[in-house]
Amino acid sequence: MRWADRPVWIRLTAAVYMVGFLEGTAAHGYFLLTGGLDAYAYAPLPVQLLFHVLLLLDPMVALVIIRARSAGPMLAAAVMLTDVAGNWSITWRAVMEHPTAFLRPVGLLPITLFGAFVLLTAFPLHRALRPGAVYARASSPPEAR
């Protein structure tokens, strides 16, 4: 089934996923280009590795979503859960000291909001992308007898 045949909520949700994961790809690519392998030296080694791996995982999620595979939303949820957990683990102390400093349109706030969106929509989108998924259609007017 083509994207045009799917309900608007599915197309819009997938579009938000695409924008978010491609932005994540660009951000991690930028950090790697400008900071090299030490771009995340402020974080513990497992979080550094996660952030570098996201340079591969983010576009992979975007590709799986654009191909309308039902596994895409579950993969997206797993990636965002680890991404949000990694970001919060390294900023928790700073957020507790200066919470309003993180109310800006870059960094922790948009990552957290996008992560929440993905986690809340992953299962419904997964079900909607399954092969043979049936969508509610507006009923047509009854035929004249």
N, C-alpha and C. Protein backbone atom coordinates (compact mmCIF):
# COMPACT_ATOMS: atom_id res chain seq x y z
N MET A 1 0.84 -1.17 0.00
CA MET A 1 0.00 0.00 0.00
C MET A 1 0.89 1.25 0.00
N ARG A 2 0.52 2.22 -0.76
CA ARG A 2 1.28 3.45 -0.86
C ARG A 2 0.96 4.38 0.29
N TRP A 3 1.84 5.37 0.53
CA TRP A 3 1.59 6.34 1.60
C TRP A 3 0.32 7.13 1.35
N ALA A 4 0.03 7.45 0.10
CA ALA A 4 -1.15 8.25 -0.22
C ALA A 4 -2.44 7.54 0.15
N ASP A 5 -2.41 6.22 0.24
CA ASP A 5 -3.60 5.44 0.58
C ASP A 5 -3.82 5.35 2.08
N ARG A 6 -2.91 5.84 2.86
CA ARG A 6 -3.00 5.71 4.32
C ARG A 6 -3.69 6.92 4.93
N PRO A 7 -4.32 6.74 6.08
CA PRO A 7 -4.98 7.87 6.75
C PRO A 7 -3.98 8.99 7.08
N VAL A 8 -4.51 10.18 7.22
CA VAL A 8 -3.68 11.36 7.46
C VAL A 8 -2.85 11.21 8.73
N TRP A 9 -3.42 10.66 9.81
CA TRP A 9 -2.68 10.57 11.07
C TRP A 9 -1.44 9.70 10.91
N ILE A 10 -1.51 8.67 10.08
CA ILE A 10 -0.35 7.81 9.85
C ILE A 10 0.72 8.57 9.09
N ARG A 11 0.31 9.28 8.04
CA ARG A 11 1.27 10.05 7.25
C ARG A 11 1.92 11.15 8.07
N LEU A 12 1.13 11.86 8.88
CA LEU A 12 1.69 12.94 9.70
C LEU A 12 2.63 12.40 10.78
N THR A 13 2.25 11.33 11.42
CA THR A 13 3.10 10.73 12.45
C THR A 13 4.41 10.26 11.84
N ALA A 14 4.34 9.59 10.70
CA ALA A 14 5.57 9.14 10.03
C ALA A 14 6.42 10.33 9.59
N ALA A 15 5.80 11.41 9.18
CA ALA A 15 6.55 12.61 8.78
C ALA A 15 7.29 13.21 9.98
N VAL A 16 6.64 13.24 11.14
CA VAL A 16 7.30 13.75 12.34
C VAL A 16 8.49 12.85 12.69
N TYR A 17 8.30 11.54 12.59
CA TYR A 17 9.41 10.62 12.84
C TYR A 17 10.57 10.93 11.89
N MET A 18 10.24 11.09 10.61
CA MET A 18 11.29 11.35 9.62
C MET A 18 12.07 12.62 9.95
N VAL A 19 11.37 13.69 10.22
CA VAL A 19 12.03 14.96 10.53
C VAL A 19 12.90 14.81 11.78
N GLY A 20 12.37 14.19 12.81
CA GLY A 20 13.11 14.02 14.06
C GLY A 20 14.36 13.19 13.90
N PHE A 21 14.24 12.05 13.22
CA PHE A 21 15.40 11.17 13.09
C PHE A 21 16.42 11.72 12.10
N LEU A 22 15.98 12.41 11.08
CA LEU A 22 16.95 13.03 10.16
C LEU A 22 17.64 14.21 10.82
N GLU A 23 16.93 14.95 11.67
CA GLU A 23 17.57 16.03 12.43
C GLU A 23 18.60 15.43 13.39
N GLY A 24 18.28 14.33 14.01
CA GLY A 24 19.22 13.65 14.90
C GLY A 24 20.46 13.19 14.14
N THR A 25 20.26 12.68 12.94
CA THR A 25 21.39 12.28 12.10
C THR A 25 22.29 13.47 11.82
N ALA A 26 21.68 14.59 11.44
CA ALA A 26 22.45 15.80 11.14
C ALA A 26 23.20 16.30 12.37
N ALA A 27 22.54 16.28 13.52
CA ALA A 27 23.19 16.76 14.75
C ALA A 27 24.39 15.89 15.12
N HIS A 28 24.20 14.57 15.09
CA HIS A 28 25.31 13.68 15.44
C HIS A 28 26.42 13.76 14.40
N GLY A 29 26.08 13.93 13.15
CA GLY A 29 27.09 14.13 12.11
C GLY A 29 27.87 15.41 12.33
N TYR A 30 27.16 16.48 12.68
CA TYR A 30 27.82 17.76 12.94
C TYR A 30 28.79 17.64 14.12
N PHE A 31 28.34 17.00 15.20
CA PHE A 31 29.21 16.85 16.36
C PHE A 31 30.44 16.01 16.03
N LEU A 32 30.27 14.98 15.23
CA LEU A 32 31.42 14.16 14.83
C LEU A 32 32.38 14.95 13.95
N LEU A 33 31.85 15.73 13.03
CA LEU A 33 32.72 16.53 12.15
C LEU A 33 33.46 17.63 12.91
N THR A 34 32.80 18.26 13.85
CA THR A 34 33.44 19.38 14.55
C THR A 34 34.26 18.94 15.75
N GLY A 35 33.89 17.83 16.38
CA GLY A 35 34.59 17.41 17.60
C GLY A 35 35.37 16.13 17.46
N GLY A 36 35.22 15.46 16.32
CA GLY A 36 35.92 14.19 16.14
C GLY A 36 35.38 13.12 17.08
N LEU A 37 36.18 12.10 17.29
CA LEU A 37 35.74 11.01 18.16
C LEU A 37 35.61 11.45 19.61
N ASP A 38 36.20 12.58 19.98
CA ASP A 38 36.09 13.09 21.35
C ASP A 38 34.95 14.09 21.50
N ALA A 39 34.03 14.12 20.56
CA ALA A 39 32.94 15.10 20.59
C ALA A 39 32.10 14.98 21.86
N TYR A 40 32.02 13.80 22.41
CA TYR A 40 31.19 13.58 23.60
C TYR A 40 32.05 13.21 24.81
N ALA A 41 33.26 13.76 24.89
CA ALA A 41 34.20 13.41 25.95
C ALA A 41 33.66 13.73 27.34
N TYR A 42 32.68 14.61 27.44
CA TYR A 42 32.09 14.98 28.72
C TYR A 42 31.22 13.87 29.30
N ALA A 43 30.88 12.88 28.49
CA ALA A 43 29.97 11.82 28.91
C ALA A 43 30.75 10.54 29.23
N PRO A 44 30.15 9.66 30.03
CA PRO A 44 30.78 8.36 30.27
C PRO A 44 30.91 7.59 28.95
N LEU A 45 31.86 6.68 28.89
CA LEU A 45 32.16 5.96 27.66
C LEU A 45 30.94 5.27 27.04
N PRO A 46 30.08 4.58 27.80
CA PRO A 46 28.91 3.95 27.17
C PRO A 46 28.00 4.98 26.47
N VAL A 47 27.84 6.15 27.07
CA VAL A 47 27.00 7.19 26.46
C VAL A 47 27.69 7.76 25.23
N GLN A 48 29.00 7.93 25.28
CA GLN A 48 29.74 8.38 24.10
C GLN A 48 29.53 7.42 22.93
N LEU A 49 29.66 6.13 23.22
CA LEU A 49 29.46 5.13 22.16
C LEU A 49 28.04 5.17 21.62
N LEU A 50 27.07 5.30 22.52
CA LEU A 50 25.67 5.39 22.09
C LEU A 50 25.48 6.56 21.14
N PHE A 51 25.99 7.73 21.50
CA PHE A 51 25.81 8.92 20.67
C PHE A 51 26.47 8.75 19.31
N HIS A 52 27.61 8.05 19.25
CA HIS A 52 28.24 7.79 17.95
C HIS A 52 27.43 6.77 17.14
N VAL A 53 26.90 5.75 17.81
CA VAL A 53 26.10 4.74 17.12
C VAL A 53 24.81 5.35 16.58
N LEU A 54 24.31 6.39 17.24
CA LEU A 54 23.09 7.05 16.77
C LEU A 54 23.28 7.66 15.38
N LEU A 55 24.51 7.94 14.99
CA LEU A 55 24.78 8.44 13.65
C LEU A 55 24.39 7.39 12.60
N LEU A 56 24.40 6.13 12.98
CA LEU A 56 23.97 5.05 12.09
C LEU A 56 22.51 4.67 12.33
N LEU A 57 22.10 4.65 13.59
CA LEU A 57 20.74 4.20 13.92
C LEU A 57 19.67 5.19 13.47
N ASP A 58 19.91 6.49 13.64
CA ASP A 58 18.90 7.48 13.27
C ASP A 58 18.50 7.39 11.79
N PRO A 59 19.46 7.37 10.85
CA PRO A 59 19.03 7.25 9.45
C PRO A 59 18.43 5.88 9.13
N MET A 60 18.87 4.84 9.86
CA MET A 60 18.29 3.52 9.64
C MET A 60 16.81 3.54 10.04
N VAL A 61 16.48 4.17 11.16
CA VAL A 61 15.08 4.29 11.58
C VAL A 61 14.30 5.07 10.52
N ALA A 62 14.86 6.18 10.05
CA ALA A 62 14.18 6.98 9.03
C ALA A 62 13.91 6.14 7.78
N LEU A 63 14.86 5.33 7.37
CA LEU A 63 14.69 4.49 6.18
C LEU A 63 13.60 3.45 6.39
N VAL A 64 13.59 2.82 7.55
CA VAL A 64 12.58 1.80 7.84
C VAL A 64 11.18 2.43 7.89
N ILE A 65 11.10 3.64 8.43
CA ILE A 65 9.80 4.33 8.48
C ILE A 65 9.35 4.71 7.07
N ILE A 66 10.25 5.27 6.27
CA ILE A 66 9.85 5.70 4.92
C ILE A 66 9.44 4.49 4.07
N ARG A 67 9.98 3.32 4.37
CA ARG A 67 9.58 2.11 3.65
C ARG A 67 8.31 1.50 4.23
N ALA A 68 7.76 2.17 5.24
CA ALA A 68 6.48 1.77 5.87
C ALA A 68 6.52 0.36 6.43
N ARG A 69 7.62 0.00 7.04
CA ARG A 69 7.74 -1.30 7.68
C ARG A 69 7.17 -1.22 9.09
N SER A 70 6.45 -2.23 9.51
CA SER A 70 5.80 -2.20 10.82
C SER A 70 6.82 -2.25 11.96
N ALA A 71 8.02 -2.74 11.71
CA ALA A 71 9.06 -2.77 12.74
C ALA A 71 9.64 -1.38 13.00
N GLY A 72 9.43 -0.46 12.09
CA GLY A 72 10.00 0.87 12.21
C GLY A 72 9.64 1.61 13.49
N PRO A 73 8.37 1.69 13.85
CA PRO A 73 8.02 2.41 15.08
C PRO A 73 8.60 1.77 16.34
N MET A 74 8.69 0.45 16.38
CA MET A 74 9.28 -0.20 17.56
C MET A 74 10.78 0.08 17.64
N LEU A 75 11.44 0.05 16.49
CA LEU A 75 12.86 0.41 16.45
C LEU A 75 13.04 1.86 16.85
N ALA A 76 12.17 2.74 16.37
CA ALA A 76 12.22 4.15 16.72
C ALA A 76 12.06 4.34 18.23
N ALA A 77 11.15 3.60 18.83
CA ALA A 77 10.92 3.72 20.27
C ALA A 77 12.16 3.27 21.05
N ALA A 78 12.77 2.18 20.63
CA ALA A 78 13.97 1.68 21.31
C ALA A 78 15.11 2.69 21.19
N VAL A 79 15.29 3.25 20.01
CA VAL A 79 16.36 4.23 19.79
C VAL A 79 16.11 5.47 20.64
N MET A 80 14.89 5.97 20.65
CA MET A 80 14.60 7.19 21.40
C MET A 80 14.67 6.95 22.91
N LEU A 81 14.28 5.78 23.36
CA LEU A 81 14.37 5.48 24.78
C LEU A 81 15.83 5.52 25.24
N THR A 82 16.72 4.93 24.46
CA THR A 82 18.14 4.95 24.83
C THR A 82 18.73 6.35 24.67
N ASP A 83 18.32 7.07 23.63
CA ASP A 83 18.83 8.42 23.41
C ASP A 83 18.41 9.35 24.56
N VAL A 84 17.14 9.32 24.92
CA VAL A 84 16.65 10.17 26.00
C VAL A 84 17.32 9.78 27.33
N ALA A 85 17.43 8.48 27.58
CA ALA A 85 18.08 8.03 28.82
C ALA A 85 19.54 8.49 28.87
N GLY A 86 20.24 8.39 27.75
CA GLY A 86 21.63 8.83 27.70
C GLY A 86 21.76 10.32 27.96
N ASN A 87 20.90 11.11 27.33
CA ASN A 87 20.95 12.55 27.51
C ASN A 87 20.59 12.95 28.94
N TRP A 88 19.57 12.34 29.49
CA TRP A 88 19.19 12.69 30.87
C TRP A 88 20.24 12.23 31.87
N SER A 89 20.90 11.10 31.60
CA SER A 89 21.90 10.61 32.55
C SER A 89 23.08 11.58 32.68
N ILE A 90 23.41 12.29 31.61
CA ILE A 90 24.55 13.21 31.69
C ILE A 90 24.15 14.62 32.07
N THR A 91 22.86 14.93 32.06
CA THR A 91 22.44 16.30 32.40
C THR A 91 21.60 16.38 33.67
N TRP A 92 21.30 15.25 34.29
CA TRP A 92 20.41 15.23 35.45
C TRP A 92 20.83 16.21 36.53
N ARG A 93 22.08 16.17 36.92
CA ARG A 93 22.56 17.03 37.99
C ARG A 93 22.41 18.51 37.63
N ALA A 94 22.76 18.86 36.40
CA ALA A 94 22.64 20.25 35.95
C ALA A 94 21.18 20.70 35.89
N VAL A 95 20.30 19.81 35.47
CA VAL A 95 18.87 20.15 35.42
C VAL A 95 18.34 20.40 36.83
N MET A 96 18.78 19.61 37.79
CA MET A 96 18.33 19.79 39.16
C MET A 96 18.83 21.12 39.74
N GLU A 97 20.00 21.55 39.33
CA GLU A 97 20.56 22.81 39.83
C GLU A 97 19.94 24.03 39.15
N HIS A 98 19.72 23.96 37.84
CA HIS A 98 19.20 25.09 37.07
C HIS A 98 18.14 24.60 36.06
N PRO A 99 16.96 24.24 36.53
CA PRO A 99 15.96 23.66 35.62
C PRO A 99 15.54 24.57 34.47
N THR A 100 15.44 25.86 34.69
CA THR A 100 14.99 26.75 33.62
C THR A 100 16.02 26.90 32.51
N ALA A 101 17.27 26.57 32.79
CA ALA A 101 18.31 26.67 31.76
C ALA A 101 18.07 25.66 30.62
N PHE A 102 17.25 24.66 30.87
CA PHE A 102 17.01 23.63 29.86
C PHE A 102 15.70 23.84 29.12
N LEU A 103 15.02 24.95 29.39
CA LEU A 103 13.77 25.27 28.68
C LEU A 103 14.10 26.12 27.45
N ARG A 104 14.83 25.53 26.53
CA ARG A 104 15.20 26.21 25.30
C ARG A 104 14.95 25.26 24.13
N PRO A 105 14.85 25.81 22.93
CA PRO A 105 14.44 24.97 21.78
C PRO A 105 15.53 24.07 21.21
N VAL A 106 16.66 23.95 21.88
CA VAL A 106 17.71 23.02 21.44
C VAL A 106 18.14 22.19 22.63
N GLY A 107 18.67 21.02 22.36
CA GLY A 107 19.20 20.21 23.45
C GLY A 107 18.18 19.28 24.08
N LEU A 108 18.19 19.28 25.40
CA LEU A 108 17.43 18.29 26.17
C LEU A 108 15.91 18.39 25.98
N LEU A 109 15.36 19.60 25.93
CA LEU A 109 13.91 19.74 25.81
C LEU A 109 13.36 19.13 24.52
N PRO A 110 13.85 19.48 23.33
CA PRO A 110 13.28 18.86 22.13
C PRO A 110 13.56 17.36 22.04
N ILE A 111 14.70 16.91 22.55
CA ILE A 111 14.99 15.47 22.55
C ILE A 111 13.96 14.75 23.41
N THR A 112 13.67 15.32 24.58
CA THR A 112 12.71 14.71 25.49
C THR A 112 11.30 14.72 24.90
N LEU A 113 10.90 15.84 24.32
CA LEU A 113 9.55 15.94 23.73
C LEU A 113 9.40 14.98 22.54
N PHE A 114 10.42 14.93 21.68
CA PHE A 114 10.36 14.01 20.55
C PHE A 114 10.35 12.56 21.04
N GLY A 115 11.15 12.27 22.04
CA GLY A 115 11.17 10.91 22.60
C GLY A 115 9.81 10.52 23.16
N ALA A 116 9.17 11.45 23.86
CA ALA A 116 7.83 11.16 24.40
C ALA A 116 6.83 10.94 23.27
N PHE A 117 6.91 11.76 22.21
CA PHE A 117 6.02 11.59 21.06
C PHE A 117 6.21 10.20 20.44
N VAL A 118 7.45 9.81 20.23
CA VAL A 118 7.73 8.51 19.61
C VAL A 118 7.22 7.38 20.51
N LEU A 119 7.50 7.47 21.80
CA LEU A 119 7.07 6.40 22.70
C LEU A 119 5.54 6.30 22.78
N LEU A 120 4.85 7.43 22.71
CA LEU A 120 3.38 7.41 22.78
C LEU A 120 2.73 6.96 21.47
N THR A 121 3.39 7.14 20.36
CA THR A 121 2.78 6.80 19.06
C THR A 121 3.33 5.52 18.44
N ALA A 122 4.37 4.95 19.01
CA ALA A 122 5.03 3.80 18.39
C ALA A 122 4.08 2.60 18.21
N PHE A 123 3.36 2.24 19.26
CA PHE A 123 2.50 1.06 19.14
C PHE A 123 1.34 1.27 18.18
N PRO A 124 0.61 2.41 18.26
CA PRO A 124 -0.45 2.60 17.26
C PRO A 124 0.08 2.65 15.83
N LEU A 125 1.23 3.28 15.62
CA LEU A 125 1.79 3.33 14.28
C LEU A 125 2.26 1.95 13.84
N HIS A 126 2.82 1.19 14.74
CA HIS A 126 3.24 -0.19 14.43
C HIS A 126 2.04 -1.01 13.96
N ARG A 127 0.93 -0.92 14.69
CA ARG A 127 -0.28 -1.66 14.29
C ARG A 127 -0.81 -1.19 12.94
N ALA A 128 -0.75 0.11 12.70
CA ALA A 128 -1.28 0.65 11.45
C ALA A 128 -0.42 0.29 10.25
N LEU A 129 0.86 0.03 10.47
CA LEU A 129 1.76 -0.30 9.36
C LEU A 129 1.86 -1.80 9.10
N ARG A 130 1.22 -2.61 9.93
CA ARG A 130 1.26 -4.06 9.70
C ARG A 130 0.62 -4.40 8.36
N PRO A 131 1.15 -5.41 7.70
CA PRO A 131 0.51 -5.83 6.44
C PRO A 131 -0.94 -6.24 6.71
N GLY A 132 -1.82 -5.78 5.86
CA GLY A 132 -3.23 -6.11 6.00
C GLY A 132 -3.98 -5.28 7.01
N ALA A 133 -3.34 -4.23 7.52
CA ALA A 133 -4.04 -3.37 8.48
C ALA A 133 -5.24 -2.73 7.80
N VAL A 134 -6.35 -2.72 8.50
CA VAL A 134 -7.59 -2.15 7.97
C VAL A 134 -7.79 -0.79 8.61
N TYR A 135 -8.08 0.20 7.78
CA TYR A 135 -8.29 1.56 8.26
C TYR A 135 -9.77 1.87 8.24
N ALA A 136 -10.19 2.61 9.22
CA ALA A 136 -11.60 3.04 9.27
C ALA A 136 -11.83 4.03 8.14
N ARG A 137 -12.78 3.77 7.33
CA ARG A 137 -13.12 4.65 6.21
C ARG A 137 -14.48 5.28 6.47
N ALA A 138 -14.66 6.45 5.97
CA ALA A 138 -15.99 7.08 6.06
C ALA A 138 -16.95 6.24 5.23
N SER A 139 -18.10 5.97 5.81
CA SER A 139 -19.05 5.14 5.06
C SER A 139 -19.66 5.93 3.91
N SER A 140 -19.86 5.25 2.83
CA SER A 140 -20.46 5.90 1.67
C SER A 140 -21.97 5.95 1.85
N PRO A 141 -22.60 6.91 1.21
CA PRO A 141 -24.07 7.00 1.36
C PRO A 141 -24.74 5.75 0.80
N PRO A 142 -25.83 5.36 1.42
CA PRO A 142 -26.53 4.16 0.92
C PRO A 142 -27.03 4.39 -0.50
N GLU A 143 -27.03 3.30 -1.23
CA GLU A 143 -27.48 3.38 -2.64
C GLU A 143 -28.99 3.57 -2.67
N ALA A 144 -29.42 4.30 -3.66
CA ALA A 144 -30.88 4.50 -3.84
C ALA A 144 -31.47 3.22 -4.40
N ARG A 145 -32.64 2.86 -3.92
CA ARG A 145 -33.27 1.62 -4.40
C ARG A 145 -34.24 1.90 -5.48
